[in-house]
Amino acid sequence: MQSKQGYVYILSNRPNGTLYIGVTSDLVKRVHEHKNHLVEGFTSKYDLNDLVYYEIFDDIVNAILREKQMKKWNRAWKLKLINKFNPAWRDLYDDICK
Protein backbone atom coordinates (compact mmCIF):
# COMPACT_ATOMS: atom_id res chain seq x y z
CA MET A 1 0.00 0.00 0.00
CA GLN A 2 1.39 3.39 -0.96
CA SER A 3 1.54 6.14 1.62
CA LYS A 4 -0.03 9.55 1.11
CA GLN A 5 2.04 12.44 -0.16
CA GLY A 6 2.89 14.95 2.54
CA TYR A 7 3.76 18.62 2.85
CA VAL A 8 5.55 20.72 5.42
CA TYR A 9 4.62 24.39 5.24
CA ILE A 10 5.32 27.69 6.92
CA LEU A 11 2.74 30.45 7.32
CA SER A 12 3.47 34.04 8.30
CA ASN A 13 1.60 37.31 8.73
CA ARG A 14 4.30 39.53 7.16
CA PRO A 15 7.97 39.39 6.12
CA ASN A 16 10.05 38.37 9.15
CA GLY A 17 6.83 38.16 11.17
CA THR A 18 5.35 35.41 13.31
CA LEU A 19 5.92 31.91 11.90
CA TYR A 20 3.87 28.72 12.03
CA ILE A 21 5.15 25.34 10.81
CA GLY A 22 2.60 22.69 9.92
CA VAL A 23 2.26 19.36 8.11
CA THR A 24 -0.59 18.07 5.95
CA SER A 25 -1.48 15.61 3.21
CA ASP A 26 -3.52 18.28 1.34
CA LEU A 27 -1.68 21.61 1.18
CA VAL A 28 -4.31 23.56 -0.80
CA LYS A 29 -7.13 22.52 1.54
CA ARG A 30 -5.11 23.14 4.70
CA VAL A 31 -3.91 26.62 3.72
CA HIS A 32 -7.49 27.49 2.65
CA GLU A 33 -8.63 26.49 6.16
CA HIS A 34 -5.98 28.75 7.73
CA LYS A 35 -6.80 31.69 5.42
CA ASN A 36 -10.49 31.48 6.23
CA HIS A 37 -9.93 31.03 9.97
CA LEU A 38 -11.56 27.59 9.93
CA VAL A 39 -8.74 26.44 12.21
CA GLU A 40 -8.90 27.82 15.73
CA GLY A 41 -5.70 28.44 17.60
CA PHE A 42 -2.29 29.94 16.92
CA THR A 43 -2.73 30.74 13.21
CA SER A 44 -6.06 32.50 13.60
CA LYS A 45 -4.94 34.32 16.78
CA TYR A 46 -1.91 35.80 14.99
CA ASP A 47 -3.59 36.13 11.56
CA LEU A 48 -1.07 33.86 9.84
CA ASN A 49 -2.48 33.74 6.32
CA ASP A 50 0.51 33.82 3.98
CA LEU A 51 2.04 30.58 2.75
CA VAL A 52 5.72 31.57 2.55
CA TYR A 53 7.39 28.15 2.34
CA TYR A 54 6.59 24.51 1.64
CA GLU A 55 8.26 21.18 0.92
CA ILE A 56 6.72 18.15 -0.79
CA PHE A 57 7.35 14.57 0.35
CA ASP A 58 6.41 11.26 -1.28
CA ASP A 59 5.46 9.91 2.13
CA ILE A 60 3.51 11.68 4.91
CA VAL A 61 5.73 9.98 7.52
CA ASN A 62 8.80 11.78 6.13
CA ALA A 63 6.88 15.07 6.10
CA ILE A 64 6.00 14.61 9.78
CA LEU A 65 9.65 13.87 10.62
CA ARG A 66 10.75 17.01 8.77
CA GLU A 67 8.14 19.14 10.56
CA LYS A 68 9.37 17.91 13.95
CA GLN A 69 12.96 18.67 12.91
CA MET A 70 12.12 22.19 11.71
CA LYS A 71 10.13 23.03 14.85
CA LYS A 72 13.32 22.48 16.88
CA TRP A 73 15.28 24.95 14.74
CA ASN A 74 16.08 28.41 15.97
CA ARG A 75 14.31 31.34 14.34
CA ALA A 76 17.37 32.42 12.31
CA TRP A 77 17.52 29.04 10.55
CA LYS A 78 13.81 29.23 9.68
CA LEU A 79 14.18 32.77 8.32
CA LYS A 80 17.20 31.71 6.25
CA LEU A 81 15.21 28.82 4.78
CA ILE A 82 12.31 31.11 3.82
CA ASN A 83 14.60 33.83 2.44
CA LYS A 84 16.37 31.31 0.19
CA PHE A 85 13.12 29.74 -1.08
CA ASN A 86 10.96 32.88 -1.23
CA PRO A 87 13.08 36.06 -0.82
CA ALA A 88 10.11 38.39 -1.44
CA TRP A 89 7.99 36.57 1.17
CA ARG A 90 5.21 36.30 -1.45
CA ASP A 91 2.06 34.42 -0.50
CA LEU A 92 2.51 31.20 -2.50
CA TYR A 93 -1.10 30.04 -2.13
CA ASP A 94 -2.14 31.06 -5.66
CA ASP A 95 0.88 29.18 -7.03
CA ILE A 96 -0.16 25.89 -5.42
CA CYS A 97 -3.79 26.29 -6.54
CA LYS A 98 -2.82 26.13 -10.23
PDB file of N, CA and C in Angstrom:
ATOM      1  N   MET A   1       0.850  -1.190   0.000  1.00  0.00           N
ATOM      2  CA  MET A   1       0.000   0.000   0.000  1.00  0.00           C
ATOM      3  C   MET A   1       0.892   1.249   0.000  1.00  0.00           C
ATOM      4  N   GLN A   2       0.579   2.172  -0.859  1.00  0.00           N
ATOM      5  CA  GLN A   2       1.388   3.389  -0.962  1.00  0.00           C
ATOM      6  C   GLN A   2       0.905   4.438   0.036  1.00  0.00           C
ATOM      7  N   SER A   3       1.855   5.100   0.661  1.00  0.00           N
ATOM      8  CA  SER A   3       1.538   6.145   1.624  1.00  0.00           C
ATOM      9  C   SER A   3       1.115   7.422   0.912  1.00  0.00           C
ATOM     10  N   LYS A   4       0.388   8.251   1.635  1.00  0.00           N
ATOM     11  CA  LYS A   4      -0.028   9.554   1.105  1.00  0.00           C
ATOM     12  C   LYS A   4       1.152  10.494   0.970  1.00  0.00           C
ATOM     13  N   GLN A   5       1.053  11.367  -0.024  1.00  0.00           N
ATOM     14  CA  GLN A   5       2.037  12.443  -0.158  1.00  0.00           C
ATOM     15  C   GLN A   5       1.884  13.379   1.040  1.00  0.00           C
ATOM     16  N   GLY A   6       2.961  14.040   1.416  1.00  0.00           N
ATOM     17  CA  GLY A   6       2.893  14.952   2.543  1.00  0.00           C
ATOM     18  C   GLY A   6       3.570  16.275   2.237  1.00  0.00           C
ATOM     19  N   TYR A   7       3.207  17.278   3.010  1.00  0.00           N
ATOM     20  CA  TYR A   7       3.755  18.624   2.845  1.00  0.00           C
ATOM     21  C   TYR A   7       4.091  19.201   4.216  1.00  0.00           C
ATOM     22  N   VAL A   8       5.216  19.876   4.284  1.00  0.00           N
ATOM     23  CA  VAL A   8       5.545  20.717   5.423  1.00  0.00           C
ATOM     24  C   VAL A   8       5.422  22.144   4.918  1.00  0.00           C
ATOM     25  N   TYR A   9       4.832  23.013   5.709  1.00  0.00           N
ATOM     26  CA  TYR A   9       4.620  24.385   5.241  1.00  0.00           C
ATOM     27  C   TYR A   9       4.859  25.374   6.371  1.00  0.00           C
ATOM     28  N   ILE A  10       5.161  26.608   5.960  1.00  0.00           N
ATOM     29  CA  ILE A  10       5.323  27.694   6.924  1.00  0.00           C
ATOM     30  C   ILE A  10       4.387  28.828   6.524  1.00  0.00           C
ATOM     31  N   LEU A  11       3.612  29.290   7.497  1.00  0.00           N
ATOM     32  CA  LEU A  11       2.743  30.451   7.320  1.00  0.00           C
ATOM     33  C   LEU A  11       3.328  31.624   8.089  1.00  0.00           C
ATOM     34  N   SER A  12       3.046  32.835   7.599  1.00  0.00           N
ATOM     35  CA  SER A  12       3.467  34.036   8.297  1.00  0.00           C
ATOM     36  C   SER A  12       2.420  35.123   8.098  1.00  0.00           C
ATOM     37  N   ASN A  13       2.532  36.190   8.870  1.00  0.00           N
ATOM     38  CA  ASN A  13       1.600  37.313   8.728  1.00  0.00           C
ATOM     39  C   ASN A  13       2.247  38.500   8.004  1.00  0.00           C
ATOM     40  N   ARG A  14       3.588  38.468   7.880  1.00  0.00           N
ATOM     41  CA  ARG A  14       4.304  39.530   7.161  1.00  0.00           C
ATOM     42  C   ARG A  14       5.762  39.098   7.058  1.00  0.00           C
ATOM     43  N   PRO A  15       6.553  39.739   6.196  1.00  0.00           N
ATOM     44  CA  PRO A  15       7.972  39.391   6.119  1.00  0.00           C
ATOM     45  C   PRO A  15       8.639  39.491   7.498  1.00  0.00           C
ATOM     46  N   ASN A  16       9.369  38.464   7.853  1.00  0.00           N
ATOM     47  CA  ASN A  16      10.053  38.373   9.150  1.00  0.00           C
ATOM     48  C   ASN A  16       9.097  38.444  10.343  1.00  0.00           C
ATOM     49  N   GLY A  17       7.832  38.115  10.107  1.00  0.00           N
ATOM     50  CA  GLY A  17       6.829  38.160  11.166  1.00  0.00           C
ATOM     51  C   GLY A  17       6.747  36.853  11.935  1.00  0.00           C
ATOM     52  N   THR A  18       5.608  36.635  12.551  1.00  0.00           N
ATOM     53  CA  THR A  18       5.354  35.415  13.308  1.00  0.00           C
ATOM     54  C   THR A  18       5.309  34.238  12.339  1.00  0.00           C
ATOM     55  N   LEU A  19       5.855  33.090  12.755  1.00  0.00           N
ATOM     56  CA  LEU A  19       5.917  31.908  11.898  1.00  0.00           C
ATOM     57  C   LEU A  19       5.139  30.754  12.506  1.00  0.00           C
ATOM     58  N   TYR A  20       4.543  29.951  11.624  1.00  0.00           N
ATOM     59  CA  TYR A  20       3.873  28.715  12.032  1.00  0.00           C
ATOM     60  C   TYR A  20       4.314  27.614  11.080  1.00  0.00           C
ATOM     61  N   ILE A  21       4.761  26.493  11.621  1.00  0.00           N
ATOM     62  CA  ILE A  21       5.148  25.340  10.808  1.00  0.00           C
ATOM     63  C   ILE A  21       4.095  24.259  10.993  1.00  0.00           C
ATOM     64  N   GLY A  22       3.605  23.737   9.867  1.00  0.00           N
ATOM     65  CA  GLY A  22       2.604  22.686   9.917  1.00  0.00           C
ATOM     66  C   GLY A  22       2.905  21.579   8.932  1.00  0.00           C
ATOM     67  N   VAL A  23       2.133  20.503   9.024  1.00  0.00           N
ATOM     68  CA  VAL A  23       2.263  19.363   8.115  1.00  0.00           C
ATOM     69  C   VAL A  23       0.859  18.940   7.699  1.00  0.00           C
ATOM     70  N   THR A  24       0.719  18.470   6.466  1.00  0.00           N
ATOM     71  CA  THR A  24      -0.590  18.073   5.951  1.00  0.00           C
ATOM     72  C   THR A  24      -0.419  17.131   4.768  1.00  0.00           C
ATOM     73  N   SER A  25      -1.484  16.427   4.427  1.00  0.00           N
ATOM     74  CA  SER A  25      -1.481  15.612   3.211  1.00  0.00           C
ATOM     75  C   SER A  25      -2.194  16.343   2.068  1.00  0.00           C
ATOM     76  N   ASP A  26      -2.810  17.492   2.358  1.00  0.00           N
ATOM     77  CA  ASP A  26      -3.521  18.283   1.340  1.00  0.00           C
ATOM     78  C   ASP A  26      -3.220  19.759   1.569  1.00  0.00           C
ATOM     79  N   LEU A  27      -2.173  20.251   0.924  1.00  0.00           N
ATOM     80  CA  LEU A  27      -1.684  21.608   1.178  1.00  0.00           C
ATOM     81  C   LEU A  27      -2.702  22.678   0.799  1.00  0.00           C
ATOM     82  N   VAL A  28      -3.340  22.546  -0.357  1.00  0.00           N
ATOM     83  CA  VAL A  28      -4.307  23.563  -0.802  1.00  0.00           C
ATOM     84  C   VAL A  28      -5.454  23.673   0.197  1.00  0.00           C
ATOM     85  N   LYS A  29      -6.009  22.531   0.589  1.00  0.00           N
ATOM     86  CA  LYS A  29      -7.130  22.518   1.541  1.00  0.00           C
ATOM     87  C   LYS A  29      -6.720  23.109   2.892  1.00  0.00           C
ATOM     88  N   ARG A  30      -5.544  22.704   3.372  1.00  0.00           N
ATOM     89  CA  ARG A  30      -5.106  23.139   4.701  1.00  0.00           C
ATOM     90  C   ARG A  30      -4.835  24.644   4.746  1.00  0.00           C
ATOM     91  N   VAL A  31      -4.174  25.179   3.728  1.00  0.00           N
ATOM     92  CA  VAL A  31      -3.907  26.622   3.715  1.00  0.00           C
ATOM     93  C   VAL A  31      -5.217  27.388   3.569  1.00  0.00           C
ATOM     94  N   HIS A  32      -6.157  26.869   2.764  1.00  0.00           N
ATOM     95  CA  HIS A  32      -7.491  27.487   2.649  1.00  0.00           C
ATOM     96  C   HIS A  32      -8.152  27.570   4.033  1.00  0.00           C
ATOM     97  N   GLU A  33      -8.049  26.501   4.815  1.00  0.00           N
ATOM     98  CA  GLU A  33      -8.632  26.490   6.163  1.00  0.00           C
ATOM     99  C   GLU A  33      -7.993  27.570   7.040  1.00  0.00           C
ATOM    100  N   HIS A  34      -6.673  27.709   6.956  1.00  0.00           N
ATOM    101  CA  HIS A  34      -5.984  28.749   7.731  1.00  0.00           C
ATOM    102  C   HIS A  34      -6.427  30.140   7.279  1.00  0.00           C
ATOM    103  N   LYS A  35      -6.466  30.364   5.964  1.00  0.00           N
ATOM    104  CA  LYS A  35      -6.802  31.687   5.424  1.00  0.00           C
ATOM    105  C   LYS A  35      -8.212  32.130   5.808  1.00  0.00           C
ATOM    106  N   ASN A  36      -9.104  31.164   5.921  1.00  0.00           N
ATOM    107  CA  ASN A  36     -10.495  31.475   6.229  1.00  0.00           C
ATOM    108  C   ASN A  36     -10.827  31.270   7.708  1.00  0.00           C
ATOM    109  N   HIS A  37      -9.795  31.160   8.514  1.00  0.00           N
ATOM    110  CA  HIS A  37      -9.928  31.028   9.969  1.00  0.00           C
ATOM    111  C   HIS A  37     -10.872  29.888  10.362  1.00  0.00           C
ATOM    112  N   LEU A  38     -10.785  28.786   9.598  1.00  0.00           N
ATOM    113  CA  LEU A  38     -11.563  27.595   9.933  1.00  0.00           C
ATOM    114  C   LEU A  38     -10.832  26.749  10.961  1.00  0.00           C
ATOM    115  N   VAL A  39      -9.573  27.127  11.233  1.00  0.00           N
ATOM    116  CA  VAL A  39      -8.741  26.436  12.208  1.00  0.00           C
ATOM    117  C   VAL A  39      -8.554  27.377  13.399  1.00  0.00           C
ATOM    118  N   GLU A  40      -9.084  26.986  14.537  1.00  0.00           N
ATOM    119  CA  GLU A  40      -8.897  27.823  15.729  1.00  0.00           C
ATOM    120  C   GLU A  40      -7.506  27.599  16.289  1.00  0.00           C
ATOM    121  N   GLY A  41      -6.988  28.604  16.956  1.00  0.00           N
ATOM    122  CA  GLY A  41      -5.697  28.441  17.603  1.00  0.00           C
ATOM    123  C   GLY A  41      -4.682  29.470  17.153  1.00  0.00           C
ATOM    124  N   PHE A  42      -3.427  29.055  17.145  1.00  0.00           N
ATOM    125  CA  PHE A  42      -2.294  29.944  16.924  1.00  0.00           C
ATOM    126  C   PHE A  42      -2.399  30.732  15.618  1.00  0.00           C
ATOM    127  N   THR A  43      -2.725  30.052  14.511  1.00  0.00           N
ATOM    128  CA  THR A  43      -2.728  30.744  13.207  1.00  0.00           C
ATOM    129  C   THR A  43      -3.832  31.785  13.106  1.00  0.00           C
ATOM    130  N   SER A  44      -4.990  31.505  13.663  1.00  0.00           N
ATOM    131  CA  SER A  44      -6.064  32.500  13.602  1.00  0.00           C
ATOM    132  C   SER A  44      -5.810  33.627  14.602  1.00  0.00           C
ATOM    133  N   LYS A  45      -5.241  33.302  15.762  1.00  0.00           N
ATOM    134  CA  LYS A  45      -4.941  34.315  16.775  1.00  0.00           C
ATOM    135  C   LYS A  45      -3.958  35.359  16.254  1.00  0.00           C
ATOM    136  N   TYR A  46      -2.941  34.893  15.501  1.00  0.00           N
ATOM    137  CA  TYR A  46      -1.910  35.803  14.995  1.00  0.00           C
ATOM    138  C   TYR A  46      -2.095  36.165  13.522  1.00  0.00           C
ATOM    139  N   ASP A  47      -3.245  35.794  12.949  1.00  0.00           N
ATOM    140  CA  ASP A  47      -3.591  36.132  11.563  1.00  0.00           C
ATOM    141  C   ASP A  47      -2.504  35.683  10.577  1.00  0.00           C
ATOM    142  N   LEU A  48      -2.104  34.424  10.709  1.00  0.00           N
ATOM    143  CA  LEU A  48      -1.066  33.864   9.843  1.00  0.00           C
ATOM    144  C   LEU A  48      -1.732  33.292   8.597  1.00  0.00           C
ATOM    145  N   ASN A  49      -1.758  34.098   7.538  1.00  0.00           N
ATOM    146  CA  ASN A  49      -2.482  33.740   6.316  1.00  0.00           C
ATOM    147  C   ASN A  49      -1.599  33.491   5.109  1.00  0.00           C
ATOM    148  N   ASP A  50      -0.335  33.897   5.163  1.00  0.00           N
ATOM    149  CA  ASP A  50       0.511  33.825   3.981  1.00  0.00           C
ATOM    150  C   ASP A  50       1.360  32.555   3.988  1.00  0.00           C
ATOM    151  N   LEU A  51       1.209  31.755   2.939  1.00  0.00           N
ATOM    152  CA  LEU A  51       2.044  30.576   2.747  1.00  0.00           C
ATOM    153  C   LEU A  51       3.380  31.060   2.178  1.00  0.00           C
ATOM    154  N   VAL A  52       4.431  31.024   2.987  1.00  0.00           N
ATOM    155  CA  VAL A  52       5.722  31.574   2.550  1.00  0.00           C
ATOM    156  C   VAL A  52       6.747  30.486   2.239  1.00  0.00           C
ATOM    157  N   TYR A  53       6.438  29.228   2.585  1.00  0.00           N
ATOM    158  CA  TYR A  53       7.386  28.146   2.344  1.00  0.00           C
ATOM    159  C   TYR A  53       6.650  26.817   2.380  1.00  0.00           C
ATOM    160  N   TYR A  54       7.103  25.873   1.544  1.00  0.00           N
ATOM    161  CA  TYR A  54       6.585  24.511   1.635  1.00  0.00           C
ATOM    162  C   TYR A  54       7.574  23.529   1.024  1.00  0.00           C
ATOM    163  N   GLU A  55       7.483  22.294   1.470  1.00  0.00           N
ATOM    164  CA  GLU A  55       8.255  21.182   0.925  1.00  0.00           C
ATOM    165  C   GLU A  55       7.282  20.045   0.653  1.00  0.00           C
ATOM    166  N   ILE A  56       7.562  19.279  -0.403  1.00  0.00           N
ATOM    167  CA  ILE A  56       6.716  18.147  -0.792  1.00  0.00           C
ATOM    168  C   ILE A  56       7.473  16.848  -0.515  1.00  0.00           C
ATOM    169  N   PHE A  57       6.770  15.874   0.043  1.00  0.00           N
ATOM    170  CA  PHE A  57       7.348  14.570   0.351  1.00  0.00           C
ATOM    171  C   PHE A  57       6.492  13.472  -0.270  1.00  0.00           C
ATOM    172  N   ASP A  58       7.138  12.404  -0.705  1.00  0.00           N
ATOM    173  CA  ASP A  58       6.412  11.264  -1.277  1.00  0.00           C
ATOM    174  C   ASP A  58       5.644  10.488  -0.214  1.00  0.00           C
ATOM    175  N   ASP A  59       6.018  10.694   1.036  1.00  0.00           N
ATOM    176  CA  ASP A  59       5.461   9.913   2.129  1.00  0.00           C
ATOM    177  C   ASP A  59       5.145  10.854   3.298  1.00  0.00           C
ATOM    178  N   ILE A  60       3.929  10.806   3.811  1.00  0.00           N
ATOM    179  CA  ILE A  60       3.513  11.681   4.912  1.00  0.00           C
ATOM    180  C   ILE A  60       4.386  11.475   6.146  1.00  0.00           C
ATOM    181  N   VAL A  61       4.874  10.263   6.349  1.00  0.00           N
ATOM    182  CA  VAL A  61       5.727   9.984   7.517  1.00  0.00           C
ATOM    183  C   VAL A  61       6.995  10.841   7.455  1.00  0.00           C
ATOM    184  N   ASN A  62       7.599  10.950   6.277  1.00  0.00           N
ATOM    185  CA  ASN A  62       8.800  11.783   6.129  1.00  0.00           C
ATOM    186  C   ASN A  62       8.477  13.263   6.316  1.00  0.00           C
ATOM    187  N   ALA A  63       7.299  13.677   5.901  1.00  0.00           N
ATOM    188  CA  ALA A  63       6.879  15.072   6.105  1.00  0.00           C
ATOM    189  C   ALA A  63       6.736  15.361   7.602  1.00  0.00           C
ATOM    190  N   ILE A  64       6.169  14.435   8.335  1.00  0.00           N
ATOM    191  CA  ILE A  64       6.001  14.612   9.784  1.00  0.00           C
ATOM    192  C   ILE A  64       7.369  14.684  10.474  1.00  0.00           C
ATOM    193  N   LEU A  65       8.297  13.841  10.053  1.00  0.00           N
ATOM    194  CA  LEU A  65       9.647  13.868  10.624  1.00  0.00           C
ATOM    195  C   LEU A  65      10.321  15.212  10.350  1.00  0.00           C
ATOM    196  N   ARG A  66      10.156  15.722   9.134  1.00  0.00           N
ATOM    197  CA  ARG A  66      10.754  17.011   8.770  1.00  0.00           C
ATOM    198  C   ARG A  66      10.128  18.144   9.585  1.00  0.00           C
ATOM    199  N   GLU A  67       8.804  18.110   9.762  1.00  0.00           N
ATOM    200  CA  GLU A  67       8.136  19.135  10.556  1.00  0.00           C
ATOM    201  C   GLU A  67       8.698  19.155  11.980  1.00  0.00           C
ATOM    202  N   LYS A  68       8.835  17.993  12.575  1.00  0.00           N
ATOM    203  CA  LYS A  68       9.366  17.911  13.945  1.00  0.00           C
ATOM    204  C   LYS A  68      10.784  18.465  14.009  1.00  0.00           C
ATOM    205  N   GLN A  69      11.587  18.154  12.980  1.00  0.00           N
ATOM    206  CA  GLN A  69      12.962  18.665  12.913  1.00  0.00           C
ATOM    207  C   GLN A  69      12.953  20.192  12.830  1.00  0.00           C
ATOM    208  N   MET A  70      12.147  20.736  11.932  1.00  0.00           N
ATOM    209  CA  MET A  70      12.120  22.186  11.711  1.00  0.00           C
ATOM    210  C   MET A  70      11.608  22.942  12.936  1.00  0.00           C
ATOM    211  N   LYS A  71      10.666  22.358  13.659  1.00  0.00           N
ATOM    212  CA  LYS A  71      10.130  23.028  14.849  1.00  0.00           C
ATOM    213  C   LYS A  71      11.185  23.194  15.936  1.00  0.00           C
ATOM    214  N   LYS A  72      12.230  22.367  15.908  1.00  0.00           N
ATOM    215  CA  LYS A  72      13.317  22.478  16.879  1.00  0.00           C
ATOM    216  C   LYS A  72      14.348  23.528  16.480  1.00  0.00           C
ATOM    217  N   TRP A  73      14.303  23.980  15.239  1.00  0.00           N
ATOM    218  CA  TRP A  73      15.284  24.946  14.740  1.00  0.00           C
ATOM    219  C   TRP A  73      15.125  26.288  15.443  1.00  0.00           C
ATOM    220  N   ASN A  74      16.217  27.047  15.479  1.00  0.00           N
ATOM    221  CA  ASN A  74      16.083  28.410  15.974  1.00  0.00           C
ATOM    222  C   ASN A  74      15.493  29.288  14.864  1.00  0.00           C
ATOM    223  N   ARG A  75      15.007  30.432  15.263  1.00  0.00           N
ATOM    224  CA  ARG A  75      14.309  31.335  14.337  1.00  0.00           C
ATOM    225  C   ARG A  75      15.191  31.737  13.148  1.00  0.00           C
ATOM    226  N   ALA A  76      16.460  31.990  13.386  1.00  0.00           N
ATOM    227  CA  ALA A  76      17.371  32.422  12.308  1.00  0.00           C
ATOM    228  C   ALA A  76      17.439  31.376  11.196  1.00  0.00           C
ATOM    229  N   TRP A  77      17.473  30.096  11.560  1.00  0.00           N
ATOM    230  CA  TRP A  77      17.519  29.037  10.550  1.00  0.00           C
ATOM    231  C   TRP A  77      16.235  29.021   9.721  1.00  0.00           C
ATOM    232  N   LYS A  78      15.096  29.212  10.387  1.00  0.00           N
ATOM    233  CA  LYS A  78      13.809  29.226   9.682  1.00  0.00           C
ATOM    234  C   LYS A  78      13.747  30.413   8.712  1.00  0.00           C
ATOM    235  N   LEU A  79      14.193  31.586   9.175  1.00  0.00           N
ATOM    236  CA  LEU A  79      14.183  32.772   8.316  1.00  0.00           C
ATOM    237  C   LEU A  79      15.105  32.579   7.119  1.00  0.00           C
ATOM    238  N   LYS A  80      16.259  31.969   7.350  1.00  0.00           N
ATOM    239  CA  LYS A  80      17.204  31.714   6.253  1.00  0.00           C
ATOM    240  C   LYS A  80      16.573  30.785   5.212  1.00  0.00           C
ATOM    241  N   LEU A  81      15.884  29.763   5.666  1.00  0.00           N
ATOM    242  CA  LEU A  81      15.207  28.816   4.779  1.00  0.00           C
ATOM    243  C   LEU A  81      14.163  29.537   3.919  1.00  0.00           C
ATOM    244  N   ILE A  82      13.346  30.359   4.545  1.00  0.00           N
ATOM    245  CA  ILE A  82      12.311  31.110   3.816  1.00  0.00           C
ATOM    246  C   ILE A  82      12.952  32.089   2.844  1.00  0.00           C
ATOM    247  N   ASN A  83      13.954  32.828   3.293  1.00  0.00           N
ATOM    248  CA  ASN A  83      14.596  33.829   2.438  1.00  0.00           C
ATOM    249  C   ASN A  83      15.261  33.212   1.213  1.00  0.00           C
ATOM    250  N   LYS A  84      15.754  31.999   1.336  1.00  0.00           N
ATOM    251  CA  LYS A  84      16.369  31.313   0.191  1.00  0.00           C
ATOM    252  C   LYS A  84      15.297  30.840  -0.789  1.00  0.00           C
ATOM    253  N   PHE A  85      14.201  30.320  -0.273  1.00  0.00           N
ATOM    254  CA  PHE A  85      13.121  29.743  -1.080  1.00  0.00           C
ATOM    255  C   PHE A  85      12.202  30.819  -1.665  1.00  0.00           C
ATOM    256  N   ASN A  86      11.964  31.872  -0.892  1.00  0.00           N
ATOM    257  CA  ASN A  86      10.964  32.879  -1.234  1.00  0.00           C
ATOM    258  C   ASN A  86      11.419  34.246  -0.714  1.00  0.00           C
ATOM    259  N   PRO A  87      12.475  34.832  -1.346  1.00  0.00           N
ATOM    260  CA  PRO A  87      13.077  36.064  -0.819  1.00  0.00           C
ATOM    261  C   PRO A  87      12.110  37.240  -0.685  1.00  0.00           C
ATOM    262  N   ALA A  88      11.081  37.289  -1.503  1.00  0.00           N
ATOM    263  CA  ALA A  88      10.110  38.392  -1.441  1.00  0.00           C
ATOM    264  C   ALA A  88       9.012  38.134  -0.402  1.00  0.00           C
ATOM    265  N   TRP A  89       9.032  36.963   0.213  1.00  0.00           N
ATOM    266  CA  TRP A  89       7.985  36.568   1.168  1.00  0.00           C
ATOM    267  C   TRP A  89       6.595  36.676   0.538  1.00  0.00           C
ATOM    268  N   ARG A  90       6.512  36.308  -0.758  1.00  0.00           N
ATOM    269  CA  ARG A  90       5.211  36.300  -1.445  1.00  0.00           C
ATOM    270  C   ARG A  90       4.319  35.222  -0.841  1.00  0.00           C
ATOM    271  N   ASP A  91       3.012  35.461  -0.874  1.00  0.00           N
ATOM    272  CA  ASP A  91       2.063  34.423  -0.498  1.00  0.00           C
ATOM    273  C   ASP A  91       2.008  33.443  -1.667  1.00  0.00           C
ATOM    274  N   LEU A  92       2.402  32.213  -1.437  1.00  0.00           N
ATOM    275  CA  LEU A  92       2.515  31.200  -2.502  1.00  0.00           C
ATOM    276  C   LEU A  92       1.216  30.415  -2.718  1.00  0.00           C
ATOM    277  N   TYR A  93       0.160  30.811  -2.037  1.00  0.00           N
ATOM    278  CA  TYR A  93      -1.099  30.044  -2.126  1.00  0.00           C
ATOM    279  C   TYR A  93      -1.626  29.967  -3.550  1.00  0.00           C
ATOM    280  N   ASP A  94      -1.636  31.088  -4.274  1.00  0.00           N
ATOM    281  CA  ASP A  94      -2.138  31.060  -5.663  1.00  0.00           C
ATOM    282  C   ASP A  94      -1.300  30.126  -6.532  1.00  0.00           C
ATOM    283  N   ASP A  95      -0.004  30.063  -6.263  1.00  0.00           N
ATOM    284  CA  ASP A  95       0.884  29.180  -7.033  1.00  0.00           C
ATOM    285  C   ASP A  95       0.508  27.703  -6.865  1.00  0.00           C
ATOM    286  N   ILE A  96       0.159  27.305  -5.652  1.00  0.00           N
ATOM    287  CA  ILE A  96      -0.158  25.890  -5.421  1.00  0.00           C
ATOM    288  C   ILE A  96      -1.574  25.530  -5.866  1.00  0.00           C
ATOM    289  N   CYS A  97      -2.412  26.548  -6.105  1.00  0.00           N
ATOM    290  CA  CYS A  97      -3.788  26.291  -6.536  1.00  0.00           C
ATOM    291  C   CYS A  97      -3.880  26.036  -8.040  1.00  0.00           C
ATOM    292  N   LYS A  98      -2.812  26.304  -8.764  1.00  0.00           N
ATOM    293  CA  LYS A  98      -2.823  26.132 -10.232  1.00  0.00           C
ATOM    294  C   LYS A  98      -2.792  24.678 -10.621  1.00  0.00           C
TER     295      LYS A  98
END
